[in-house]
Amino acid sequence: MPRLILEARRIAATVIHGLHGRRRAGPGENFWQYRRFFSGEPARHVDWRRSARDDNLYVREREWEAAHTVWIWPDRSPSMLFRSPLARESKLDRALVMTFALAEILVQAGERVGVPNLMRPSGSRNVLDKLANAIIHDGSDRTSLPSTFAPTSLAEIVLVSDFWSSTAAVRTTISQLASNGSHGHAVQIVDPAEETFPYSGRVEFIEPEGAGSITAGRAEAWKSEYRLGWSFSVHRTDRAPTELLLALHARLGTPPAGAMMESRAPMQARLARTA
C-alpha cells in the first residue's frame, strides 16, 4: 500500500501540473478575469485600479470554486488480482493507484471524495491516508460493483473496475446510480492479455469469482468483442495512467451527451492456463 500511495502522488503531481482551473466565473478566491461594468450594477463591484487605465469601468471576477462530491469505486474483487506475464502489475494495483491519484487531484482542486459504503466524502488534504486506512481495515465482501448506495443528484460517480460482472448487473447498477440524475464515468481496467487475447490451442479458462471453468479447444477462435454502456474508457495496465487521468478529469463536471452511451470494449479473457 505505501508503494501504491507514493506512485499515486507522483502521478497526481504530474497531472496537476498540466491542469487548469474551472474556467468560469463564480464564488471563489482566485482571480478569473476582468469584464466590462454593466449599467445598473452596484458601484462597489468596480475595480477602480484597473478602470483607471482607460476610459472604461471594469469588474474583477473570481474563478468559480464551489466544491462538489465525487464518489470513486475501486473494484477489489478476486478477478482484479490477475496479472499476466505481459504486465508489471495486477489490475488491482493499477485500480488503486488510479483511485488514489484521482482522489488527490480532486481534493487539490477543492472537491470532496468518497468511496461508497467505505469512506464518507472528504476534502481533507490527507485524503489518501484516510482512503488507504479504510481499504486496509475493510472486512466486508469485495464485490465487483457497489451496492445499496444512493448518491445525490449533484454528485458524480467513477467506477474503476474490470467489469467482470454480467452485462445485466452492470446496467442495473448504473441505472440505479443514475436514477436520481447523478452521472458518472466507467473506467475498465484490463490486463494486456485480456485485450490482445494471446491464447491459442487448447486452453482452460478459470473464472476466479466462483463461476467455474471452461476449456477451449481452439482459443484463437474466441477473439471477439462485446459492448458495454455508459460514459466509458478502457485502460491497460501496461500503459501510463497519466493520459487517462487527464481525460477523466476533463469529463468530471461535464454532463454526458446521452444516457447509456454504447462504446466498444475489449473481450475479457478469463484467467488462463494452458491445459
Protein backbone atom coordinates (compact mmCIF):
# COMPACT_ATOMS: atom_id res chain seq x y z
CA MET A 1 0.00 0.00 0.00
CA PRO A 2 2.77 2.58 0.72
CA ARG A 3 4.25 1.92 -2.74
CA LEU A 4 0.87 2.46 -4.38
CA ILE A 5 0.31 5.71 -2.47
CA LEU A 6 3.73 7.06 -3.46
CA GLU A 7 3.10 6.15 -7.09
CA ALA A 8 -0.32 7.80 -6.96
CA ARG A 9 1.11 11.01 -5.53
CA ARG A 10 3.80 11.10 -8.21
CA ILE A 11 1.21 10.64 -10.96
CA ALA A 12 -1.14 13.18 -9.40
CA ALA A 13 1.63 15.79 -9.22
CA THR A 14 2.38 15.24 -12.92
CA VAL A 15 -1.27 15.56 -13.90
CA ILE A 16 -1.96 18.57 -11.66
CA HIS A 17 0.92 20.40 -13.33
CA GLY A 18 -0.96 20.24 -16.64
CA LEU A 19 -4.41 21.15 -15.32
CA HIS A 20 -6.21 24.45 -15.37
CA GLY A 21 -8.98 25.69 -13.14
CA ARG A 22 -12.70 25.52 -13.72
CA ARG A 23 -12.57 28.34 -16.24
CA ARG A 24 -15.78 30.10 -15.34
CA ALA A 25 -16.76 32.99 -13.09
CA GLY A 26 -18.29 32.40 -9.68
CA PRO A 27 -17.67 32.45 -5.93
CA GLY A 28 -14.05 31.82 -5.07
CA GLU A 29 -10.75 33.40 -4.11
CA ASN A 30 -8.68 33.12 -7.29
CA PHE A 31 -8.73 35.82 -9.96
CA TRP A 32 -10.53 34.79 -13.16
CA GLN A 33 -10.82 37.78 -15.50
CA TYR A 34 -11.81 41.41 -15.91
CA ARG A 35 -15.07 42.27 -17.65
CA ARG A 36 -16.83 45.48 -18.54
CA PHE A 37 -19.03 47.06 -15.89
CA PHE A 38 -22.74 46.84 -16.73
CA SER A 39 -25.10 49.73 -16.10
CA GLY A 40 -27.20 49.10 -13.02
CA GLU A 41 -24.58 47.05 -11.14
CA PRO A 42 -23.54 48.20 -7.65
CA ALA A 43 -20.62 50.62 -7.80
CA ARG A 44 -18.74 48.54 -5.21
CA HIS A 45 -18.17 45.89 -7.91
CA VAL A 46 -15.92 48.24 -9.89
CA ASP A 47 -12.19 47.55 -9.79
CA TRP A 48 -11.00 51.16 -9.74
CA ARG A 49 -7.31 50.39 -10.17
CA ARG A 50 -7.95 48.51 -13.43
CA SER A 51 -10.56 51.03 -14.56
CA ALA A 52 -8.08 53.91 -14.13
CA ARG A 53 -6.00 52.57 -17.04
CA ASP A 54 -8.52 53.67 -19.70
CA ASP A 55 -11.95 55.23 -20.13
CA ASN A 56 -13.98 52.10 -19.28
CA LEU A 57 -15.11 50.66 -15.97
CA TYR A 58 -14.14 47.06 -15.16
CA VAL A 59 -15.27 44.39 -12.69
CA ARG A 60 -12.81 41.87 -11.30
CA GLU A 61 -14.28 38.35 -11.47
CA ARG A 62 -13.14 35.37 -9.43
CA GLU A 63 -12.99 31.79 -10.62
CA TRP A 64 -15.82 29.51 -9.56
CA GLU A 65 -14.70 27.22 -6.70
CA ALA A 66 -17.83 25.55 -5.38
CA ALA A 67 -16.89 22.07 -4.15
CA HIS A 68 -18.87 19.06 -5.28
CA THR A 69 -18.70 15.41 -4.35
CA VAL A 70 -17.15 12.67 -6.46
CA TRP A 71 -17.66 9.06 -5.40
CA ILE A 72 -14.94 6.67 -6.60
CA TRP A 73 -15.47 2.91 -6.60
CA PRO A 74 -12.27 0.81 -6.89
CA ASP A 75 -13.16 -2.80 -7.71
CA ARG A 76 -11.22 -5.06 -5.28
CA SER A 77 -12.90 -8.35 -6.19
CA PRO A 78 -10.80 -11.51 -6.83
CA SER A 79 -10.69 -11.04 -10.61
CA MET A 80 -8.72 -7.82 -10.11
CA LEU A 81 -5.75 -9.82 -8.79
CA PHE A 82 -4.99 -11.13 -12.28
CA ARG A 83 -1.63 -10.23 -13.81
CA SER A 84 -0.33 -11.83 -16.98
CA PRO A 85 3.37 -12.00 -17.96
CA LEU A 86 2.66 -9.04 -20.27
CA ALA A 87 2.06 -6.64 -17.37
CA ARG A 88 4.20 -5.41 -14.48
CA GLU A 89 1.35 -5.05 -12.01
CA SER A 90 -2.06 -6.52 -11.32
CA LYS A 91 -5.33 -4.89 -12.26
CA LEU A 92 -5.98 -4.30 -8.55
CA ASP A 93 -2.74 -2.38 -8.04
CA ARG A 94 -3.45 -0.22 -11.08
CA ALA A 95 -7.05 0.41 -9.99
CA LEU A 96 -5.89 1.52 -6.54
CA VAL A 97 -3.20 3.78 -7.99
CA MET A 98 -5.77 5.34 -10.31
CA THR A 99 -8.21 5.79 -7.42
CA PHE A 100 -5.62 7.35 -5.14
CA ALA A 101 -4.27 9.65 -7.85
CA LEU A 102 -7.72 10.82 -8.90
CA ALA A 103 -8.67 11.44 -5.26
CA GLU A 104 -5.52 13.51 -4.76
CA ILE A 105 -6.18 15.55 -7.91
CA LEU A 106 -9.79 16.22 -6.98
CA VAL A 107 -9.03 17.24 -3.39
CA GLN A 108 -6.25 19.54 -4.57
CA ALA A 109 -8.89 21.15 -6.82
CA GLY A 110 -11.20 21.71 -3.85
CA GLU A 111 -13.55 18.76 -4.39
CA ARG A 112 -14.77 16.20 -1.88
CA VAL A 113 -14.07 12.50 -2.47
CA GLY A 114 -15.79 9.47 -1.01
CA VAL A 115 -15.98 5.71 -1.55
CA PRO A 116 -19.43 4.04 -1.46
CA ASN A 117 -20.00 2.02 1.71
CA LEU A 118 -16.39 2.62 2.79
CA MET A 119 -15.50 6.29 3.31
CA ARG A 120 -17.66 9.39 3.67
CA PRO A 121 -16.86 12.31 1.35
CA SER A 122 -13.83 14.25 2.50
CA GLY A 123 -11.93 17.26 1.25
CA SER A 124 -9.07 16.70 3.67
CA ARG A 125 -5.52 17.09 2.41
CA ASN A 126 -4.69 13.69 3.89
CA VAL A 127 -7.47 12.00 1.94
CA LEU A 128 -5.08 9.33 0.65
CA ASP A 129 -4.19 8.23 4.18
CA LYS A 130 -7.89 8.07 5.10
CA LEU A 131 -8.71 6.12 1.95
CA ALA A 132 -5.83 3.66 2.39
CA ASN A 133 -6.74 3.02 6.04
CA ALA A 134 -10.38 2.45 5.12
CA ILE A 135 -9.37 -0.10 2.47
CA ILE A 136 -6.89 -1.90 4.73
CA HIS A 137 -9.40 -2.29 7.56
CA ASP A 138 -12.37 -3.17 5.36
CA GLY A 139 -13.56 -6.64 6.29
CA SER A 140 -16.63 -6.78 4.07
CA ASP A 141 -17.02 -8.90 0.94
CA ARG A 142 -15.12 -7.48 -2.00
CA THR A 143 -17.81 -7.11 -4.63
CA SER A 144 -17.25 -6.02 -8.22
CA LEU A 145 -19.92 -3.31 -8.13
CA PRO A 146 -21.20 -1.03 -5.35
CA SER A 147 -24.49 -1.94 -3.71
CA THR A 148 -27.05 -0.14 -1.52
CA PHE A 149 -25.65 3.23 -2.49
CA ALA A 150 -27.75 6.28 -3.39
CA PRO A 151 -25.69 9.35 -4.42
CA THR A 152 -27.21 12.82 -4.51
CA SER A 153 -28.30 14.26 -7.82
CA LEU A 154 -25.34 16.68 -7.94
CA ALA A 155 -22.70 14.03 -7.22
CA GLU A 156 -20.60 12.20 -9.77
CA ILE A 157 -19.51 8.58 -9.67
CA VAL A 158 -16.37 6.99 -11.10
CA LEU A 159 -16.36 3.20 -11.38
CA VAL A 160 -12.86 1.73 -11.72
CA SER A 161 -13.27 -1.96 -12.44
CA ASP A 162 -12.57 -4.78 -14.87
CA PHE A 163 -16.37 -5.21 -15.07
CA TRP A 164 -16.24 -8.98 -14.70
CA SER A 165 -19.93 -8.91 -13.98
CA SER A 166 -22.80 -9.76 -16.26
CA THR A 167 -23.89 -7.01 -18.60
CA ALA A 168 -27.27 -7.04 -16.88
CA ALA A 169 -25.66 -6.46 -13.46
CA VAL A 170 -23.56 -3.58 -14.79
CA ARG A 171 -26.55 -1.95 -16.46
CA THR A 172 -28.68 -2.39 -13.35
CA THR A 173 -26.03 -0.79 -11.13
CA ILE A 174 -25.52 2.17 -13.45
CA SER A 175 -29.27 2.65 -13.81
CA GLN A 176 -29.68 2.71 -10.03
CA LEU A 177 -26.83 5.19 -9.60
CA ALA A 178 -28.23 7.44 -12.32
CA SER A 179 -31.87 7.16 -11.23
CA ASN A 180 -31.85 10.47 -9.35
CA GLY A 181 -30.00 12.45 -12.03
CA SER A 182 -26.39 11.89 -10.99
CA HIS A 183 -23.98 10.90 -13.73
CA GLY A 184 -20.60 9.26 -13.82
CA HIS A 185 -17.80 7.55 -15.63
CA ALA A 186 -16.83 3.92 -16.07
CA VAL A 187 -13.14 3.07 -16.40
CA GLN A 188 -12.38 -0.51 -17.34
CA ILE A 189 -9.01 -1.77 -16.14
CA VAL A 190 -7.75 -4.58 -18.34
CA ASP A 191 -4.62 -6.68 -18.46
CA PRO A 192 -2.86 -6.65 -21.86
CA ALA A 193 -3.69 -10.34 -22.24
CA GLU A 194 -7.38 -9.58 -21.84
CA GLU A 195 -7.30 -7.12 -24.71
CA THR A 196 -4.92 -8.87 -27.10
CA PHE A 197 -6.09 -12.41 -26.18
CA PRO A 198 -2.72 -14.07 -26.89
CA TYR A 199 -4.06 -17.61 -26.46
CA SER A 200 -4.16 -20.43 -28.95
CA GLY A 201 -4.65 -24.17 -28.91
CA ARG A 202 -6.27 -25.99 -26.03
CA VAL A 203 -6.66 -23.58 -23.08
CA GLU A 204 -8.63 -23.79 -19.86
CA PHE A 205 -10.17 -20.53 -18.71
CA ILE A 206 -10.85 -20.26 -14.97
CA GLU A 207 -13.33 -17.75 -13.56
CA PRO A 208 -11.75 -16.51 -10.27
CA GLU A 209 -15.05 -15.45 -8.69
CA GLY A 210 -16.72 -18.83 -8.43
CA ALA A 211 -18.30 -19.33 -11.85
CA GLY A 212 -16.20 -22.39 -12.67
CA SER A 213 -14.04 -23.01 -15.73
CA ILE A 214 -14.34 -23.80 -19.41
CA THR A 215 -11.91 -25.41 -21.86
CA ALA A 216 -11.43 -24.07 -25.37
CA GLY A 217 -10.20 -26.49 -28.00
CA ARG A 218 -9.09 -23.62 -30.26
CA ALA A 219 -8.76 -20.50 -28.12
CA GLU A 220 -7.80 -18.35 -31.11
CA ALA A 221 -11.37 -18.74 -32.42
CA TRP A 222 -12.72 -16.92 -29.36
CA LYS A 223 -11.37 -13.47 -30.30
CA SER A 224 -14.47 -11.29 -30.33
CA GLU A 225 -15.78 -8.10 -28.78
CA TYR A 226 -18.73 -7.10 -26.70
CA ARG A 227 -20.41 -3.79 -25.96
CA LEU A 228 -20.82 -2.01 -22.63
CA GLY A 229 -22.73 1.22 -21.96
CA TRP A 230 -22.24 4.48 -20.04
CA SER A 231 -19.50 7.06 -20.29
CA PHE A 232 -16.67 4.66 -20.86
CA SER A 233 -12.87 4.35 -21.04
CA VAL A 234 -10.53 1.39 -21.30
CA HIS A 235 -7.14 1.42 -19.61
CA ARG A 236 -4.48 -1.26 -19.99
CA THR A 237 -2.15 -1.94 -17.08
CA ASP A 238 0.91 -1.82 -19.35
CA ARG A 239 0.25 1.83 -20.26
CA ALA A 240 0.90 5.05 -18.34
CA PRO A 241 -2.07 6.25 -16.28
CA THR A 242 -1.48 10.00 -16.74
CA GLU A 243 -3.23 10.29 -20.11
CA LEU A 244 -6.36 8.59 -18.81
CA LEU A 245 -6.39 10.70 -15.64
CA LEU A 246 -6.21 13.92 -17.67
CA ALA A 247 -9.07 12.79 -19.90
CA LEU A 248 -11.14 11.59 -16.94
CA HIS A 249 -10.59 14.82 -15.01
CA ALA A 250 -11.76 16.79 -18.05
CA ARG A 251 -15.01 14.79 -18.15
CA LEU A 252 -15.81 15.33 -14.47
CA GLY A 253 -18.37 18.08 -14.09
CA THR A 254 -19.47 17.78 -17.71
CA PRO A 255 -22.95 16.24 -18.18
CA PRO A 256 -22.98 13.33 -20.62
CA ALA A 257 -24.38 13.88 -24.11
CA GLY A 258 -26.80 10.99 -23.61
CA ALA A 259 -27.59 8.27 -21.15
CA MET A 260 -26.20 4.76 -21.52
CA MET A 261 -23.95 5.55 -24.49
CA GLU A 262 -22.61 2.46 -26.18
CA SER A 263 -18.88 2.11 -26.68
CA ARG A 264 -16.64 -0.64 -27.87
CA ALA A 265 -14.75 -2.60 -25.22
CA PRO A 266 -12.33 -5.50 -25.47
CA MET A 267 -13.32 -9.04 -24.66
CA GLN A 268 -12.16 -10.04 -21.20
CA ALA A 269 -10.29 -13.29 -21.34
CA ARG A 270 -10.73 -15.36 -18.20
CA LEU A 271 -7.67 -16.23 -16.17
CA ALA A 272 -6.00 -18.69 -18.49
CA ARG A 273 -3.57 -21.52 -18.22
CA THR A 274 -2.57 -23.94 -20.92
CA ALA A 275 -4.17 -27.33 -20.35
